[in-house]
C-alpha cells in the first residue's frame, strides 16, 4: 500500500474521531471546543496531500481512485449528520436539517444510480464533474465555517445546498446519457 492510500485511510479513520469530538463538544473547555475544527481541518489537509502525492510521484492506484472520493463522501456525510442531529450542540454549531436532507438525498440518488449502472453494464468510470467538485468544495466549506462560527455561514450552506441540487440533476442527466448510449450497443 502506497503513501497516498495510507493517508486516505487515515482520513477515513479521522471521521469517527470527528463525530466523537462533536459529541463531547463543550465551550467550557477550550480544547474540546476547538477539537472538531482541528480534526476536520486535518482531514481536509489529508485530502489535498494524498492527491498531490499520488499525482506528483505517479502513485495513482485503482484502489486510491475508488477510496479517495469515498473517504471524502464519508467525511462530509458524517459531518453533516453530526452537525445537524446531535442535540447537545449549541445552535451556532448546527447545520439546518433541510441542508442535511438535500445532501443525503443527492448522495442516495447517486448511489442508487451507480448501483443500477453497475448491475446492468458493469463498472463504468465516472470522472468528477465541475458541478460535483464545486459541490464538494462548498460542502466542506460549510462544515469548516460552522466550526469557526462564521456569522454568515447560512449564505454558504444555502449555496452548498443549491450546488448539491444542481450537481445531482447534472449527475442524473449524465447517467441518463450513459444508459441510453450503452442501451444502443446492446
N, C-alpha and C. Protein backbone atom coordinates (compact mmCIF):
# COMPACT_ATOMS: atom_id res chain seq x y z
N UNK A 1 0.85 -1.18 0.00
CA UNK A 1 0.00 0.00 0.00
C UNK A 1 0.90 1.24 0.00
N UNK A 2 0.61 2.16 -0.91
CA UNK A 2 1.46 3.34 -1.02
C UNK A 2 1.02 4.45 -0.04
N UNK A 3 1.84 5.50 0.03
CA UNK A 3 1.60 6.57 0.99
C UNK A 3 0.27 7.29 0.76
N UNK A 4 -0.10 7.66 -0.48
CA UNK A 4 -1.40 8.33 -0.65
C UNK A 4 -2.57 7.50 -0.14
N UNK A 5 -2.53 6.19 -0.35
CA UNK A 5 -3.62 5.34 0.13
C UNK A 5 -3.63 5.27 1.65
N UNK A 6 -2.47 5.27 2.28
CA UNK A 6 -2.40 5.28 3.74
C UNK A 6 -2.97 6.59 4.29
N UNK A 7 -2.69 7.68 3.62
CA UNK A 7 -3.23 8.98 4.05
C UNK A 7 -4.75 8.99 3.90
N UNK A 8 -5.26 8.41 2.81
CA UNK A 8 -6.71 8.33 2.61
C UNK A 8 -7.35 7.50 3.71
N UNK A 9 -6.73 6.39 4.07
CA UNK A 9 -7.25 5.56 5.16
C UNK A 9 -7.23 6.33 6.48
N UNK A 10 -6.19 7.13 6.67
CA UNK A 10 -6.14 7.96 7.89
C UNK A 10 -7.33 8.93 7.91
N UNK A 11 -7.70 9.48 6.75
CA UNK A 11 -8.86 10.39 6.69
C UNK A 11 -10.14 9.63 7.04
N UNK A 12 -10.25 8.40 6.55
CA UNK A 12 -11.41 7.59 6.92
C UNK A 12 -11.47 7.38 8.43
N UNK A 13 -10.32 7.13 9.04
CA UNK A 13 -10.28 6.89 10.48
C UNK A 13 -10.52 8.17 11.29
N UNK A 14 -10.22 9.32 10.70
CA UNK A 14 -10.49 10.59 11.38
C UNK A 14 -11.99 10.89 11.47
N UNK A 15 -12.77 10.32 10.58
CA UNK A 15 -14.19 10.63 10.54
C UNK A 15 -14.91 10.25 11.84
N UNK A 16 -14.79 9.02 12.34
CA UNK A 16 -15.45 8.75 13.63
C UNK A 16 -14.85 9.54 14.78
N UNK A 17 -13.57 9.87 14.70
CA UNK A 17 -12.94 10.70 15.73
C UNK A 17 -13.58 12.09 15.72
N UNK A 18 -13.87 12.60 14.52
CA UNK A 18 -14.56 13.88 14.40
C UNK A 18 -15.93 13.82 15.09
N UNK A 19 -16.67 12.75 14.85
CA UNK A 19 -18.00 12.62 15.46
C UNK A 19 -17.89 12.61 16.98
N UNK A 20 -16.94 11.86 17.51
CA UNK A 20 -16.75 11.82 18.96
C UNK A 20 -16.43 13.22 19.48
N UNK A 21 -15.59 13.96 18.74
CA UNK A 21 -15.24 15.32 19.19
C UNK A 21 -16.46 16.24 19.18
N UNK A 22 -17.38 16.02 18.26
CA UNK A 22 -18.61 16.81 18.22
C UNK A 22 -19.54 16.40 19.37
N UNK A 23 -19.64 15.11 19.62
CA UNK A 23 -20.49 14.63 20.71
C UNK A 23 -20.03 15.20 22.05
N UNK A 24 -18.73 15.28 22.25
CA UNK A 24 -18.19 15.75 23.53
C UNK A 24 -17.82 17.23 23.51
N UNK A 25 -18.27 17.94 22.50
CA UNK A 25 -18.02 19.38 22.39
C UNK A 25 -18.56 20.11 23.61
N UNK A 26 -17.76 21.01 24.12
CA UNK A 26 -18.23 21.90 25.18
C UNK A 26 -17.44 23.20 25.09
N UNK A 27 -18.14 24.31 25.19
CA UNK A 27 -17.46 25.61 25.14
C UNK A 27 -16.71 25.90 26.42
N UNK A 28 -17.02 25.18 27.48
CA UNK A 28 -16.36 25.39 28.78
C UNK A 28 -14.90 24.94 28.76
N UNK A 29 -14.56 24.03 27.86
CA UNK A 29 -13.20 23.52 27.76
C UNK A 29 -12.63 23.92 26.40
N UNK A 30 -11.62 24.81 26.36
CA UNK A 30 -11.08 25.29 25.08
C UNK A 30 -10.56 24.17 24.18
N UNK A 31 -10.01 23.13 24.77
CA UNK A 31 -9.52 22.01 23.94
C UNK A 31 -10.68 21.31 23.26
N UNK A 32 -11.70 20.97 24.02
CA UNK A 32 -12.87 20.28 23.45
C UNK A 32 -13.66 21.19 22.52
N UNK A 33 -13.61 22.49 22.76
CA UNK A 33 -14.32 23.43 21.89
C UNK A 33 -13.67 23.55 20.52
N UNK A 34 -12.36 23.37 20.45
CA UNK A 34 -11.65 23.52 19.17
C UNK A 34 -11.30 22.19 18.50
N UNK A 35 -11.49 21.09 19.19
CA UNK A 35 -11.11 19.79 18.65
C UNK A 35 -11.84 19.43 17.35
N UNK A 36 -13.15 19.63 17.23
CA UNK A 36 -13.80 19.29 15.95
C UNK A 36 -13.20 20.07 14.77
N UNK A 37 -12.91 21.34 14.98
CA UNK A 37 -12.29 22.14 13.93
C UNK A 37 -10.92 21.59 13.55
N UNK A 38 -10.10 21.28 14.53
CA UNK A 38 -8.76 20.75 14.27
C UNK A 38 -8.83 19.43 13.51
N UNK A 39 -9.72 18.56 13.93
CA UNK A 39 -9.85 17.25 13.28
C UNK A 39 -10.35 17.42 11.85
N UNK A 40 -11.36 18.28 11.65
CA UNK A 40 -11.88 18.48 10.30
C UNK A 40 -10.84 19.12 9.39
N UNK A 41 -10.12 20.11 9.90
CA UNK A 41 -9.04 20.72 9.11
C UNK A 41 -7.98 19.70 8.73
N UNK A 42 -7.63 18.84 9.68
CA UNK A 42 -6.65 17.79 9.41
C UNK A 42 -7.15 16.87 8.29
N UNK A 43 -8.42 16.51 8.35
CA UNK A 43 -8.99 15.65 7.31
C UNK A 43 -8.95 16.33 5.94
N UNK A 44 -9.28 17.62 5.89
CA UNK A 44 -9.24 18.35 4.62
C UNK A 44 -7.81 18.40 4.08
N UNK A 45 -6.86 18.65 4.96
CA UNK A 45 -5.46 18.71 4.53
C UNK A 45 -5.00 17.35 4.00
N UNK A 46 -5.42 16.26 4.65
CA UNK A 46 -5.03 14.93 4.15
C UNK A 46 -5.61 14.69 2.76
N UNK A 47 -6.79 15.23 2.49
CA UNK A 47 -7.39 15.09 1.17
C UNK A 47 -6.52 15.76 0.11
N UNK A 48 -6.04 16.94 0.42
CA UNK A 48 -5.17 17.64 -0.53
C UNK A 48 -3.82 16.94 -0.68
N UNK A 49 -3.27 16.49 0.43
CA UNK A 49 -1.94 15.89 0.41
C UNK A 49 -1.93 14.55 -0.32
N UNK A 50 -2.93 13.69 -0.07
CA UNK A 50 -2.89 12.38 -0.74
C UNK A 50 -3.00 12.53 -2.25
N UNK A 51 -3.83 13.43 -2.71
CA UNK A 51 -3.95 13.66 -4.16
C UNK A 51 -2.69 14.25 -4.75
N UNK A 52 -2.10 15.19 -4.04
CA UNK A 52 -0.85 15.81 -4.52
C UNK A 52 0.27 14.78 -4.63
N UNK A 53 0.43 13.98 -3.60
CA UNK A 53 1.49 12.96 -3.63
C UNK A 53 1.23 11.93 -4.73
N UNK A 54 -0.02 11.50 -4.85
CA UNK A 54 -0.35 10.49 -5.86
C UNK A 54 -0.04 11.00 -7.27
N UNK A 55 -0.40 12.26 -7.55
CA UNK A 55 -0.14 12.80 -8.89
C UNK A 55 1.34 13.13 -9.09
N UNK A 56 1.92 13.75 -8.11
CA UNK A 56 3.31 14.20 -8.23
C UNK A 56 4.29 13.04 -8.40
N UNK A 57 4.07 11.96 -7.65
CA UNK A 57 5.00 10.83 -7.67
C UNK A 57 4.44 9.62 -8.40
N UNK A 58 3.44 9.86 -9.23
CA UNK A 58 2.85 8.82 -10.06
C UNK A 58 2.48 7.58 -9.23
N UNK A 59 1.75 7.81 -8.15
CA UNK A 59 1.34 6.74 -7.26
C UNK A 59 -0.18 6.56 -7.27
N UNK A 60 -0.78 6.88 -8.39
CA UNK A 60 -2.23 6.71 -8.52
C UNK A 60 -2.52 5.22 -8.70
N UNK A 61 -3.42 4.70 -7.86
CA UNK A 61 -3.80 3.30 -7.94
C UNK A 61 -5.30 3.19 -8.12
N UNK A 62 -5.77 2.07 -8.62
CA UNK A 62 -7.22 1.88 -8.77
C UNK A 62 -7.88 1.87 -7.39
N UNK A 63 -7.18 1.34 -6.38
CA UNK A 63 -7.70 1.36 -5.02
C UNK A 63 -7.87 2.81 -4.54
N UNK A 64 -6.87 3.63 -4.77
CA UNK A 64 -6.93 5.03 -4.37
C UNK A 64 -7.98 5.82 -5.13
N UNK A 65 -8.13 5.53 -6.42
CA UNK A 65 -9.14 6.21 -7.23
C UNK A 65 -10.54 5.92 -6.69
N UNK A 66 -10.74 4.72 -6.19
CA UNK A 66 -12.03 4.36 -5.60
C UNK A 66 -12.17 4.88 -4.17
N UNK A 67 -11.11 4.70 -3.37
CA UNK A 67 -11.20 5.01 -1.94
C UNK A 67 -11.22 6.51 -1.64
N UNK A 68 -10.47 7.32 -2.38
CA UNK A 68 -10.37 8.75 -2.08
C UNK A 68 -11.73 9.46 -2.11
N UNK A 69 -12.52 9.33 -3.18
CA UNK A 69 -13.82 10.01 -3.15
C UNK A 69 -14.77 9.41 -2.11
N UNK A 70 -14.63 8.11 -1.84
CA UNK A 70 -15.47 7.52 -0.79
C UNK A 70 -15.11 8.09 0.57
N UNK A 71 -13.82 8.29 0.82
CA UNK A 71 -13.39 8.88 2.10
C UNK A 71 -13.92 10.31 2.22
N UNK A 72 -13.86 11.06 1.13
CA UNK A 72 -14.41 12.43 1.13
C UNK A 72 -15.90 12.41 1.44
N UNK A 73 -16.61 11.54 0.75
CA UNK A 73 -18.06 11.47 0.91
C UNK A 73 -18.42 11.03 2.32
N UNK A 74 -17.70 10.05 2.86
CA UNK A 74 -17.95 9.58 4.21
C UNK A 74 -17.74 10.71 5.21
N UNK A 75 -16.62 11.43 5.06
CA UNK A 75 -16.33 12.56 5.94
C UNK A 75 -17.45 13.60 5.88
N UNK A 76 -17.86 13.96 4.68
CA UNK A 76 -18.87 15.01 4.54
C UNK A 76 -20.24 14.57 5.06
N UNK A 77 -20.67 13.38 4.69
CA UNK A 77 -21.99 12.93 5.14
C UNK A 77 -22.04 12.82 6.66
N UNK A 78 -21.01 12.21 7.22
CA UNK A 78 -20.98 12.06 8.68
C UNK A 78 -20.90 13.42 9.37
N UNK A 79 -20.14 14.34 8.81
CA UNK A 79 -20.03 15.68 9.38
C UNK A 79 -21.36 16.41 9.33
N UNK A 80 -22.05 16.34 8.20
CA UNK A 80 -23.35 16.99 8.08
C UNK A 80 -24.35 16.38 9.06
N UNK A 81 -24.34 15.06 9.17
CA UNK A 81 -25.26 14.40 10.11
C UNK A 81 -24.95 14.84 11.54
N UNK A 82 -23.67 14.76 11.92
CA UNK A 82 -23.28 15.12 13.29
C UNK A 82 -23.66 16.57 13.61
N UNK A 83 -23.40 17.47 12.67
CA UNK A 83 -23.67 18.88 12.93
C UNK A 83 -25.15 19.26 12.77
N UNK A 84 -25.95 18.30 12.33
CA UNK A 84 -27.38 18.56 12.19
C UNK A 84 -28.22 17.92 13.29
N UNK A 85 -27.79 16.76 13.79
CA UNK A 85 -28.71 16.00 14.65
C UNK A 85 -28.25 15.83 16.10
N UNK A 86 -27.00 16.13 16.40
CA UNK A 86 -26.56 15.96 17.79
C UNK A 86 -27.19 17.06 18.63
N UNK A 87 -28.10 16.68 19.52
CA UNK A 87 -28.90 17.67 20.23
C UNK A 87 -28.14 18.52 21.24
N UNK A 88 -26.99 18.06 21.68
CA UNK A 88 -26.25 18.82 22.69
C UNK A 88 -25.47 19.99 22.11
N UNK A 89 -25.38 20.07 20.80
CA UNK A 89 -24.63 21.18 20.18
C UNK A 89 -25.38 22.49 20.32
N UNK A 90 -24.65 23.57 20.57
CA UNK A 90 -25.31 24.88 20.56
C UNK A 90 -25.78 25.24 19.14
N UNK A 91 -26.76 26.10 19.05
CA UNK A 91 -27.35 26.44 17.75
C UNK A 91 -26.33 26.99 16.76
N UNK A 92 -25.33 27.70 17.23
CA UNK A 92 -24.36 28.28 16.29
C UNK A 92 -23.42 27.23 15.69
N UNK A 93 -23.52 25.99 16.12
CA UNK A 93 -22.73 24.90 15.54
C UNK A 93 -23.62 23.88 14.83
N UNK A 94 -24.77 24.32 14.39
CA UNK A 94 -25.69 23.37 13.76
C UNK A 94 -25.95 23.74 12.31
N UNK A 95 -26.01 22.71 11.50
CA UNK A 95 -26.42 22.84 10.11
C UNK A 95 -27.91 22.50 10.08
N UNK A 96 -28.72 23.31 9.41
CA UNK A 96 -30.16 23.04 9.40
C UNK A 96 -30.49 21.68 8.78
N UNK A 97 -31.51 21.03 9.31
CA UNK A 97 -31.90 19.71 8.79
C UNK A 97 -32.22 19.71 7.29
N UNK A 98 -32.78 20.80 6.77
CA UNK A 98 -33.12 20.84 5.35
C UNK A 98 -31.88 20.72 4.47
N UNK A 99 -30.75 21.26 4.93
CA UNK A 99 -29.49 21.14 4.18
C UNK A 99 -29.03 19.69 4.21
N UNK A 100 -29.10 19.08 5.38
CA UNK A 100 -28.74 17.67 5.51
C UNK A 100 -29.59 16.80 4.59
N UNK A 101 -30.89 17.05 4.55
CA UNK A 101 -31.80 16.25 3.71
C UNK A 101 -31.42 16.37 2.25
N UNK A 102 -31.09 17.57 1.79
CA UNK A 102 -30.68 17.76 0.40
C UNK A 102 -29.39 16.98 0.11
N UNK A 103 -28.42 17.08 0.99
CA UNK A 103 -27.13 16.39 0.79
C UNK A 103 -27.34 14.88 0.76
N UNK A 104 -28.09 14.36 1.73
CA UNK A 104 -28.31 12.91 1.78
C UNK A 104 -29.12 12.41 0.59
N UNK A 105 -30.12 13.16 0.18
CA UNK A 105 -30.96 12.75 -0.95
C UNK A 105 -30.13 12.66 -2.23
N UNK A 106 -29.32 13.67 -2.49
CA UNK A 106 -28.47 13.64 -3.69
C UNK A 106 -27.55 12.43 -3.66
N UNK A 107 -26.89 12.22 -2.53
CA UNK A 107 -25.94 11.12 -2.45
C UNK A 107 -26.64 9.77 -2.57
N UNK A 108 -27.85 9.67 -2.04
CA UNK A 108 -28.61 8.44 -2.19
C UNK A 108 -28.97 8.18 -3.65
N UNK A 109 -29.39 9.22 -4.37
CA UNK A 109 -29.67 9.07 -5.79
C UNK A 109 -28.43 8.65 -6.57
N UNK A 110 -27.30 9.25 -6.24
CA UNK A 110 -26.06 8.89 -6.92
C UNK A 110 -25.71 7.43 -6.64
N UNK A 111 -25.84 7.02 -5.40
CA UNK A 111 -25.53 5.64 -5.03
C UNK A 111 -26.45 4.65 -5.75
N UNK A 112 -27.73 4.94 -5.78
CA UNK A 112 -28.69 4.07 -6.47
C UNK A 112 -28.39 4.03 -7.97
N UNK A 113 -28.12 5.20 -8.54
CA UNK A 113 -27.79 5.25 -9.97
C UNK A 113 -26.54 4.45 -10.30
N UNK A 114 -25.51 4.59 -9.48
CA UNK A 114 -24.27 3.84 -9.70
C UNK A 114 -24.51 2.34 -9.57
N UNK A 115 -25.33 1.94 -8.60
CA UNK A 115 -25.63 0.52 -8.41
C UNK A 115 -26.38 -0.04 -9.62
N UNK A 116 -27.34 0.70 -10.13
CA UNK A 116 -28.09 0.25 -11.31
C UNK A 116 -27.17 0.11 -12.50
N UNK A 117 -26.35 1.12 -12.73
CA UNK A 117 -25.42 1.06 -13.87
C UNK A 117 -24.48 -0.13 -13.71
N UNK A 118 -23.98 -0.34 -12.51
CA UNK A 118 -23.05 -1.46 -12.28
C UNK A 118 -23.74 -2.80 -12.52
N UNK A 119 -24.97 -2.94 -12.03
CA UNK A 119 -25.69 -4.20 -12.20
C UNK A 119 -26.02 -4.48 -13.67
N UNK A 120 -26.33 -3.44 -14.42
CA UNK A 120 -26.73 -3.63 -15.81
C UNK A 120 -25.53 -3.71 -16.75
N UNK A 121 -24.55 -2.83 -16.54
CA UNK A 121 -23.46 -2.71 -17.51
C UNK A 121 -22.08 -3.05 -16.96
N UNK A 122 -21.97 -3.27 -15.66
CA UNK A 122 -20.65 -3.47 -15.07
C UNK A 122 -20.03 -2.12 -14.72
N UNK A 123 -18.76 -2.15 -14.42
CA UNK A 123 -18.08 -0.93 -13.98
C UNK A 123 -17.95 0.06 -15.13
N UNK A 124 -18.34 1.28 -14.87
CA UNK A 124 -18.14 2.40 -15.80
C UNK A 124 -17.53 3.53 -14.99
N UNK A 125 -16.42 4.05 -15.48
CA UNK A 125 -15.75 5.13 -14.75
C UNK A 125 -16.47 6.45 -14.96
N UNK A 126 -16.73 7.14 -13.86
CA UNK A 126 -17.32 8.46 -13.89
C UNK A 126 -16.28 9.45 -13.42
N UNK A 127 -15.87 10.33 -14.28
CA UNK A 127 -14.96 11.40 -13.87
C UNK A 127 -15.77 12.45 -13.12
N UNK A 128 -15.21 13.02 -12.06
CA UNK A 128 -15.95 14.07 -11.34
C UNK A 128 -16.19 15.27 -12.25
N UNK A 129 -17.38 15.82 -12.16
CA UNK A 129 -17.71 16.99 -12.98
C UNK A 129 -17.34 18.26 -12.23
N UNK A 130 -17.35 19.36 -12.95
CA UNK A 130 -17.12 20.66 -12.34
C UNK A 130 -18.16 20.92 -11.25
N UNK A 131 -19.43 20.52 -11.51
CA UNK A 131 -20.50 20.73 -10.54
C UNK A 131 -20.27 19.90 -9.28
N UNK A 132 -19.83 18.68 -9.47
CA UNK A 132 -19.55 17.81 -8.32
C UNK A 132 -18.40 18.33 -7.49
N UNK A 133 -17.35 18.82 -8.14
CA UNK A 133 -16.21 19.37 -7.41
C UNK A 133 -16.60 20.64 -6.65
N UNK A 134 -17.38 21.49 -7.30
CA UNK A 134 -17.84 22.72 -6.63
C UNK A 134 -18.73 22.37 -5.44
N UNK A 135 -19.56 21.36 -5.60
CA UNK A 135 -20.44 20.93 -4.50
C UNK A 135 -19.61 20.44 -3.32
N UNK A 136 -18.63 19.59 -3.60
CA UNK A 136 -17.78 19.08 -2.53
C UNK A 136 -17.05 20.22 -1.82
N UNK A 137 -16.54 21.17 -2.59
CA UNK A 137 -15.84 22.31 -2.01
C UNK A 137 -16.76 23.09 -1.07
N UNK A 138 -17.97 23.41 -1.53
CA UNK A 138 -18.86 24.22 -0.71
C UNK A 138 -19.46 23.44 0.47
N UNK A 139 -19.58 22.14 0.33
CA UNK A 139 -19.99 21.34 1.48
C UNK A 139 -18.89 21.34 2.54
N UNK A 140 -17.64 21.16 2.11
CA UNK A 140 -16.52 21.22 3.06
C UNK A 140 -16.42 22.60 3.70
N UNK A 141 -16.59 23.63 2.88
CA UNK A 141 -16.55 24.99 3.39
C UNK A 141 -17.66 25.24 4.40
N UNK A 142 -18.84 24.67 4.15
CA UNK A 142 -19.95 24.81 5.10
C UNK A 142 -19.56 24.26 6.46
N UNK A 143 -19.04 23.04 6.49
CA UNK A 143 -18.65 22.43 7.76
C UNK A 143 -17.57 23.28 8.43
N UNK A 144 -16.59 23.68 7.67
CA UNK A 144 -15.49 24.49 8.22
C UNK A 144 -16.01 25.80 8.81
N UNK A 145 -16.87 26.49 8.09
CA UNK A 145 -17.38 27.79 8.57
C UNK A 145 -18.32 27.64 9.75
N UNK A 146 -19.06 26.54 9.81
CA UNK A 146 -19.87 26.28 11.00
C UNK A 146 -18.95 26.12 12.20
N UNK A 147 -17.87 25.36 12.01
CA UNK A 147 -16.96 25.08 13.12
C UNK A 147 -16.20 26.32 13.60
N UNK A 148 -15.96 27.27 12.69
CA UNK A 148 -15.28 28.50 13.13
C UNK A 148 -16.28 29.58 13.51
N UNK A 149 -17.56 29.23 13.47
CA UNK A 149 -18.64 30.11 13.91
C UNK A 149 -18.74 31.39 13.07
N UNK A 150 -18.59 31.24 11.76
CA UNK A 150 -18.70 32.35 10.82
C UNK A 150 -20.13 32.87 10.82
N UNK A 151 -20.31 34.16 11.02
CA UNK A 151 -21.64 34.75 11.17
C UNK A 151 -22.55 34.55 9.95
N UNK A 152 -21.98 34.53 8.77
CA UNK A 152 -22.80 34.46 7.56
C UNK A 152 -22.72 33.09 6.90
N UNK A 153 -22.51 32.06 7.71
CA UNK A 153 -22.39 30.70 7.18
C UNK A 153 -23.67 30.27 6.45
N UNK A 154 -24.80 30.84 6.82
CA UNK A 154 -26.05 30.49 6.15
C UNK A 154 -25.99 30.76 4.65
N UNK A 155 -25.23 31.77 4.25
CA UNK A 155 -25.06 32.06 2.81
C UNK A 155 -24.33 30.88 2.15
N UNK A 156 -23.31 30.39 2.80
CA UNK A 156 -22.50 29.30 2.24
C UNK A 156 -23.29 27.99 2.24
N UNK A 157 -24.03 27.68 3.32
CA UNK A 157 -24.76 26.42 3.30
C UNK A 157 -25.92 26.47 2.32
N UNK A 158 -26.47 27.66 2.08
CA UNK A 158 -27.51 27.79 1.05
C UNK A 158 -26.91 27.56 -0.33
N UNK A 159 -25.74 28.15 -0.57
CA UNK A 159 -25.05 27.93 -1.85
C UNK A 159 -24.66 26.46 -2.00
N UNK A 160 -24.19 25.84 -0.93
CA UNK A 160 -23.85 24.42 -0.96
C UNK A 160 -25.09 23.58 -1.30
N UNK A 161 -26.23 23.94 -0.72
CA UNK A 161 -27.46 23.20 -0.99
C UNK A 161 -27.88 23.36 -2.45
N UNK A 162 -27.80 24.58 -2.98
CA UNK A 162 -28.15 24.82 -4.38
C UNK A 162 -27.22 24.03 -5.29
N UNK A 163 -25.92 24.09 -5.02
CA UNK A 163 -24.96 23.34 -5.84
C UNK A 163 -25.19 21.83 -5.71
N UNK A 164 -25.59 21.38 -4.56
CA UNK A 164 -25.88 19.96 -4.36
C UNK A 164 -27.03 19.53 -5.26
N UNK A 165 -28.07 20.36 -5.34
CA UNK A 165 -29.20 20.05 -6.22
C UNK A 165 -28.77 20.10 -7.68
N UNK A 166 -28.05 21.14 -8.07
CA UNK A 166 -27.59 21.28 -9.46
C UNK A 166 -26.70 20.11 -9.86
N UNK A 167 -25.75 19.76 -8.99
CA UNK A 167 -24.86 18.65 -9.34
C UNK A 167 -25.62 17.33 -9.37
N UNK A 168 -26.63 17.18 -8.52
CA UNK A 168 -27.46 15.97 -8.56
C UNK A 168 -28.22 15.85 -9.87
N UNK A 169 -28.81 16.96 -10.31
CA UNK A 169 -29.51 16.97 -11.60
C UNK A 169 -28.52 16.70 -12.73
N UNK A 170 -27.35 17.32 -12.66
CA UNK A 170 -26.33 17.10 -13.67
C UNK A 170 -25.91 15.63 -13.71
N UNK A 171 -25.77 15.03 -12.54
CA UNK A 171 -25.42 13.62 -12.47
C UNK A 171 -26.50 12.76 -13.11
N UNK A 172 -27.76 13.06 -12.83
CA UNK A 172 -28.86 12.30 -13.43
C UNK A 172 -28.86 12.42 -14.95
N UNK A 173 -28.59 13.60 -15.46
CA UNK A 173 -28.53 13.81 -16.91
C UNK A 173 -27.38 13.01 -17.50
N UNK A 174 -26.21 13.06 -16.86
CA UNK A 174 -25.06 12.27 -17.34
C UNK A 174 -25.36 10.78 -17.31
N UNK A 175 -25.97 10.32 -16.23
CA UNK A 175 -26.31 8.90 -16.10
C UNK A 175 -27.29 8.49 -17.19
N UNK A 176 -28.28 9.32 -17.44
CA UNK A 176 -29.27 9.03 -18.48
C UNK A 176 -28.60 8.92 -19.84
N UNK A 177 -27.68 9.82 -20.16
CA UNK A 177 -26.96 9.76 -21.44
C UNK A 177 -26.16 8.46 -21.55
N UNK A 178 -25.49 8.09 -20.48
CA UNK A 178 -24.69 6.87 -20.49
C UNK A 178 -25.58 5.64 -20.68
N UNK A 179 -26.70 5.60 -19.97
CA UNK A 179 -27.61 4.47 -20.09
C UNK A 179 -28.16 4.35 -21.49
N UNK A 180 -28.53 5.49 -22.11
CA UNK A 180 -29.04 5.46 -23.48
C UNK A 180 -27.97 5.04 -24.47
N UNK A 181 -26.75 5.55 -24.29
CA UNK A 181 -25.65 5.17 -25.19
C UNK A 181 -25.33 3.69 -25.06
N UNK A 182 -25.29 3.18 -23.84
CA UNK A 182 -24.99 1.75 -23.62
C UNK A 182 -26.13 0.88 -24.14
N UNK A 183 -27.37 1.33 -23.96
CA UNK A 183 -28.52 0.54 -24.40
C UNK A 183 -28.54 0.38 -25.92
N UNK A 184 -28.04 1.37 -26.65
CA UNK A 184 -27.99 1.29 -28.12
C UNK A 184 -27.01 0.23 -28.59
N UNK A 185 -26.01 -0.07 -27.77
CA UNK A 185 -24.98 -1.03 -28.14
C UNK A 185 -25.30 -2.45 -27.69
N UNK A 186 -26.46 -2.63 -27.08
CA UNK A 186 -26.83 -3.99 -26.62
C UNK A 186 -27.60 -4.69 -27.71
